[in-house]
Amino acid sequence: MGEPRVIFLHGLESGCGGRKHCFLQQHYEHVICVDMHMSLFNLAKRNGIARNCLAHAFSTAPWNLLACSVQFSLDGCLQCQAAELAKASETGGVLVGSSWGGAVAVLAIAKGLWKGPAVLIAPAYGAAVGRSGWRDPAYAPAEVYASMTRNLAEGSSGRVIIVHGTKDDTVPIADSRAMAQATGLELVEVEDGDHGMKCLLEGTHPRLKSLIDKAWSHNGGLPPSKY
């Protein structure tokens, strides 16, 4: 059947090989990080927001262009993850999404592509979609959170935990509080934590590992750890 894995969804600009990805590789046996080809301004990134703005500039009303581009970027990034999400649904695993990756993880849960345990680090869904607006009502935060609640109530095999720093000046903690209130998910607030959340990776008992193990323990076990 295969070994349970940790699937890491990277942030807007960080890509694979960033601090959190390396941390997970140091602590878990099977870590997957798929490059989502994502950026805000880099036109070489096929799922980038600026690239989507250019691609749809002549087919979309100007007042809908940013919302349309964010939606296409989210969908493109989710498509990058689809194969690994399907594999992990069979083998078991934990989804860890950071910032933009957290937004993609939120969408994966809302669309029913993931029903296992997850840790959402400063998930940027509310920030991305809330700031740009939405062309398709199904992408409105309230609708997405309602879909998450339904899907997690129907055959969920894991616990979903949101973690957010109180000093995050990139993605407001109010967004995670709104998500937690709408979905009933657990929200862990990290006092004085900033958007990078480096504090989760520090110490002899790193908090991120504890959160991942806590989410996974809903299944009665732990993901394969290196120590």
Protein backbone atom coordinates (compact mmCIF):
# COMPACT_ATOMS: atom_id res chain seq x y z
CA MET A 1 0.00 0.00 0.00
CA GLY A 2 2.97 2.32 0.51
CA GLU A 3 4.23 4.38 3.40
CA PRO A 4 2.34 7.33 4.88
CA ARG A 5 3.79 10.60 3.71
CA VAL A 6 3.95 14.26 4.61
CA ILE A 7 2.86 16.45 1.69
CA PHE A 8 4.15 20.00 1.95
CA LEU A 9 2.49 22.77 -0.05
CA HIS A 10 4.96 25.64 -0.30
CA GLY A 11 4.31 29.37 -0.14
CA LEU A 12 3.86 31.99 -2.83
CA GLU A 13 7.53 32.57 -3.64
CA SER A 14 9.41 29.98 -1.60
CA GLY A 15 9.06 26.89 -3.79
CA CYS A 16 10.60 23.57 -2.85
CA GLY A 17 13.76 23.52 -0.75
CA GLY A 18 12.70 26.29 1.59
CA ARG A 19 13.10 26.34 5.36
CA LYS A 20 9.91 24.45 6.23
CA HIS A 21 10.40 21.85 3.49
CA CYS A 22 13.94 21.16 4.72
CA PHE A 23 12.70 20.95 8.31
CA LEU A 24 10.15 18.31 7.33
CA GLN A 25 12.79 16.32 5.46
CA GLN A 26 14.94 16.34 8.58
CA HIS A 27 12.14 14.97 10.75
CA TYR A 28 10.08 12.62 8.56
CA GLU A 29 10.96 9.68 6.34
CA HIS A 30 8.64 10.39 3.42
CA VAL A 31 8.18 14.06 2.50
CA ILE A 32 6.72 15.20 -0.81
CA CYS A 33 6.90 18.79 -2.07
CA VAL A 34 5.57 19.41 -5.58
CA ASP A 35 6.66 22.62 -7.29
CA MET A 36 3.46 24.58 -7.96
CA HIS A 37 5.21 26.98 -10.39
CA MET A 38 3.77 29.88 -8.44
CA SER A 39 4.75 33.52 -8.00
CA LEU A 40 3.09 36.89 -7.71
CA PHE A 41 5.12 38.70 -10.39
CA ASN A 42 7.48 36.18 -12.03
CA LEU A 43 6.13 35.66 -15.55
CA ALA A 44 8.16 32.47 -15.97
CA LYS A 45 5.95 30.72 -13.39
CA ARG A 46 3.03 29.18 -15.26
CA ASN A 47 0.60 29.48 -12.34
CA GLY A 48 1.75 32.95 -11.34
CA ILE A 49 -0.84 35.66 -10.77
CA ALA A 50 0.83 38.22 -13.06
CA ARG A 51 1.10 35.63 -15.83
CA ASN A 52 -2.58 34.77 -15.48
CA CYS A 53 -3.45 38.47 -15.59
CA LEU A 54 -1.66 38.78 -18.93
CA ALA A 55 -3.13 35.55 -20.28
CA HIS A 56 -6.71 36.65 -19.57
CA ALA A 57 -6.38 40.41 -20.05
CA PHE A 58 -8.25 40.44 -23.38
CA SER A 59 -10.95 37.95 -22.43
CA THR A 60 -11.91 39.24 -18.99
CA ALA A 61 -13.51 42.47 -17.86
CA PRO A 62 -10.91 44.69 -16.15
CA TRP A 63 -12.82 44.72 -12.88
CA ASN A 64 -12.82 40.90 -12.80
CA LEU A 65 -9.24 40.35 -13.99
CA LEU A 66 -7.49 40.03 -10.62
CA ALA A 67 -10.20 37.79 -9.18
CA CYS A 68 -10.10 35.63 -12.30
CA SER A 69 -6.31 35.39 -12.17
CA VAL A 70 -6.22 34.40 -8.49
CA GLN A 71 -8.83 31.72 -9.18
CA PHE A 72 -6.83 30.34 -12.13
CA SER A 73 -3.67 30.36 -9.99
CA LEU A 74 -5.37 28.45 -7.19
CA ASP A 75 -6.80 25.90 -9.61
CA GLY A 76 -3.46 25.49 -11.39
CA CYS A 77 -1.62 24.93 -8.12
CA LEU A 78 -4.22 22.44 -6.95
CA GLN A 79 -3.88 20.55 -10.22
CA CYS A 80 -0.13 20.26 -9.56
CA GLN A 81 -0.94 18.51 -6.27
CA ALA A 82 -3.74 16.23 -7.51
CA ALA A 83 -1.66 13.11 -8.19
CA GLU A 84 0.17 13.21 -4.86
CA LEU A 85 -3.04 13.92 -2.97
CA ALA A 86 -4.61 10.86 -4.59
CA LYS A 87 -1.62 8.69 -3.66
CA ALA A 88 -1.58 9.94 -0.08
CA SER A 89 -5.31 9.31 0.22
CA GLU A 90 -4.47 5.64 -0.37
CA THR A 91 -1.26 5.34 1.67
CA GLY A 92 -2.18 7.77 4.42
CA GLY A 93 -0.44 11.02 5.13
CA VAL A 94 -0.52 14.53 6.51
CA LEU A 95 -1.02 17.68 4.45
CA VAL A 96 1.03 20.70 5.56
CA GLY A 97 0.28 23.97 3.77
CA SER A 98 2.07 27.26 4.40
CA SER A 99 0.57 30.64 3.43
CA TRP A 100 -0.34 30.32 -0.28
CA GLY A 101 0.16 26.58 0.10
CA GLY A 102 -2.31 26.73 2.97
CA ALA A 103 -4.80 28.40 0.63
CA VAL A 104 -4.35 25.57 -1.88
CA ALA A 105 -4.80 23.04 0.95
CA VAL A 106 -8.02 24.79 1.97
CA LEU A 107 -9.30 24.44 -1.59
CA ALA A 108 -8.26 20.77 -1.70
CA ILE A 109 -10.34 20.08 1.41
CA ALA A 110 -13.27 22.15 0.11
CA LYS A 111 -13.28 20.25 -3.20
CA GLY A 112 -13.09 16.88 -1.45
CA LEU A 113 -9.61 16.05 -2.78
CA TRP A 114 -8.26 15.65 0.75
CA LYS A 115 -10.04 14.31 3.82
CA GLY A 116 -7.04 13.38 5.92
CA PRO A 117 -5.13 15.24 8.63
CA ALA A 118 -3.72 18.66 7.84
CA VAL A 119 -1.82 21.52 9.41
CA LEU A 120 -2.55 24.90 7.83
CA ILE A 121 0.15 27.48 8.62
CA ALA A 122 -1.11 31.04 8.19
CA PRO A 123 -3.39 29.93 5.34
CA ALA A 124 -3.77 32.75 2.83
CA TYR A 125 -7.12 31.83 1.31
CA GLY A 126 -9.02 34.69 2.90
CA ALA A 127 -6.23 37.14 2.09
CA ALA A 128 -5.88 36.08 -1.55
CA VAL A 129 -9.54 35.78 -2.43
CA GLY A 130 -10.80 38.39 0.00
CA ARG A 131 -8.51 41.08 -1.41
CA SER A 132 -9.08 40.25 -5.07
CA GLY A 133 -12.75 39.33 -4.88
CA TRP A 134 -14.14 36.28 -6.65
CA ARG A 135 -15.60 35.74 -10.10
CA ASP A 136 -17.16 32.38 -9.24
CA PRO A 137 -19.34 32.50 -6.09
CA ALA A 138 -18.15 28.97 -5.24
CA TYR A 139 -14.75 30.49 -4.43
CA ALA A 140 -16.11 32.99 -1.91
CA PRO A 141 -14.56 32.28 1.50
CA ALA A 142 -17.94 31.63 3.13
CA GLU A 143 -18.81 29.03 0.46
CA VAL A 144 -15.38 27.38 0.63
CA TYR A 145 -15.50 27.18 4.42
CA ALA A 146 -18.99 25.66 4.25
CA SER A 147 -17.71 23.05 1.79
CA MET A 148 -14.78 22.28 4.09
CA THR A 149 -17.16 21.74 6.98
CA ARG A 150 -19.35 19.36 4.95
CA ASN A 151 -16.44 17.35 3.58
CA LEU A 152 -14.69 17.03 6.92
CA ALA A 153 -17.93 15.86 8.52
CA GLU A 154 -18.42 13.16 5.86
CA GLY A 155 -15.80 10.47 6.17
CA SER A 156 -12.91 12.59 7.36
CA SER A 157 -9.94 10.49 8.46
CA GLY A 158 -7.95 13.15 10.19
CA ARG A 159 -7.78 16.29 12.22
CA VAL A 160 -7.22 19.71 10.66
CA ILE A 161 -5.35 22.31 12.70
CA ILE A 162 -4.85 25.97 11.79
CA VAL A 163 -1.80 27.73 13.26
CA HIS A 164 -1.20 31.46 12.94
CA GLY A 165 1.09 34.04 14.53
CA THR A 166 -0.43 37.01 16.33
CA LYS A 167 2.16 39.37 14.78
CA ASP A 168 1.63 38.25 11.18
CA ASP A 169 1.56 41.41 9.06
CA THR A 170 1.21 39.58 5.72
CA VAL A 171 -1.85 37.39 6.28
CA PRO A 172 -4.03 38.80 9.07
CA ILE A 173 -4.72 36.40 11.91
CA ALA A 174 -8.31 37.62 11.68
CA ASP A 175 -8.63 35.52 8.51
CA SER A 176 -7.74 32.34 10.39
CA ARG A 177 -10.03 33.28 13.24
CA ALA A 178 -12.86 33.69 10.73
CA MET A 179 -12.06 30.31 9.16
CA ALA A 180 -11.94 28.60 12.55
CA GLN A 181 -15.23 30.15 13.58
CA ALA A 182 -16.91 29.17 10.31
CA THR A 183 -15.60 25.60 10.24
CA GLY A 184 -15.14 24.66 13.88
CA LEU A 185 -11.50 23.79 13.20
CA GLU A 186 -8.92 24.15 15.94
CA LEU A 187 -6.90 27.37 15.77
CA VAL A 188 -3.54 27.56 17.53
CA GLU A 189 -2.45 31.17 17.99
CA VAL A 190 1.29 31.64 18.37
CA GLU A 191 1.98 34.68 20.51
CA ASP A 192 4.29 37.15 18.73
CA GLY A 193 4.67 34.78 15.77
CA ASP A 194 5.26 36.50 12.42
CA HIS A 195 4.34 35.29 8.94
CA GLY A 196 7.48 33.21 8.47
CA MET A 197 6.70 31.25 11.65
CA LYS A 198 10.34 30.30 12.11
CA CYS A 199 9.50 29.81 15.77
CA LEU A 200 7.62 26.61 14.87
CA LEU A 201 10.87 25.01 13.72
CA GLU A 202 13.06 25.84 16.71
CA GLY A 203 13.94 24.04 19.93
CA THR A 204 14.50 20.43 20.93
CA HIS A 205 10.79 19.72 20.55
CA PRO A 206 9.77 21.85 17.54
CA ARG A 207 6.18 22.97 17.66
CA LEU A 208 5.51 22.17 14.00
CA LYS A 209 6.39 18.52 14.54
CA SER A 210 4.13 18.41 17.58
CA LEU A 211 1.25 19.88 15.57
CA ILE A 212 1.74 17.42 12.70
CA ASP A 213 1.88 14.49 15.12
CA LYS A 214 -1.22 15.80 16.89
CA ALA A 215 -3.15 16.03 13.63
CA TRP A 216 -2.05 12.56 12.57
CA SER A 217 -2.77 10.98 15.97
CA HIS A 218 -6.49 11.20 15.14
CA ASN A 219 -5.80 8.02 13.12
CA GLY A 220 -4.30 6.25 16.09
CA GLY A 221 -0.69 6.50 14.93
CA LEU A 222 2.08 8.82 13.81
CA PRO A 223 3.73 9.46 10.43
CA PRO A 224 7.09 7.69 10.00
CA SER A 225 9.61 9.89 11.80
CA LYS A 226 13.40 9.87 11.57
CA TYR A 227 13.68 10.13 15.37
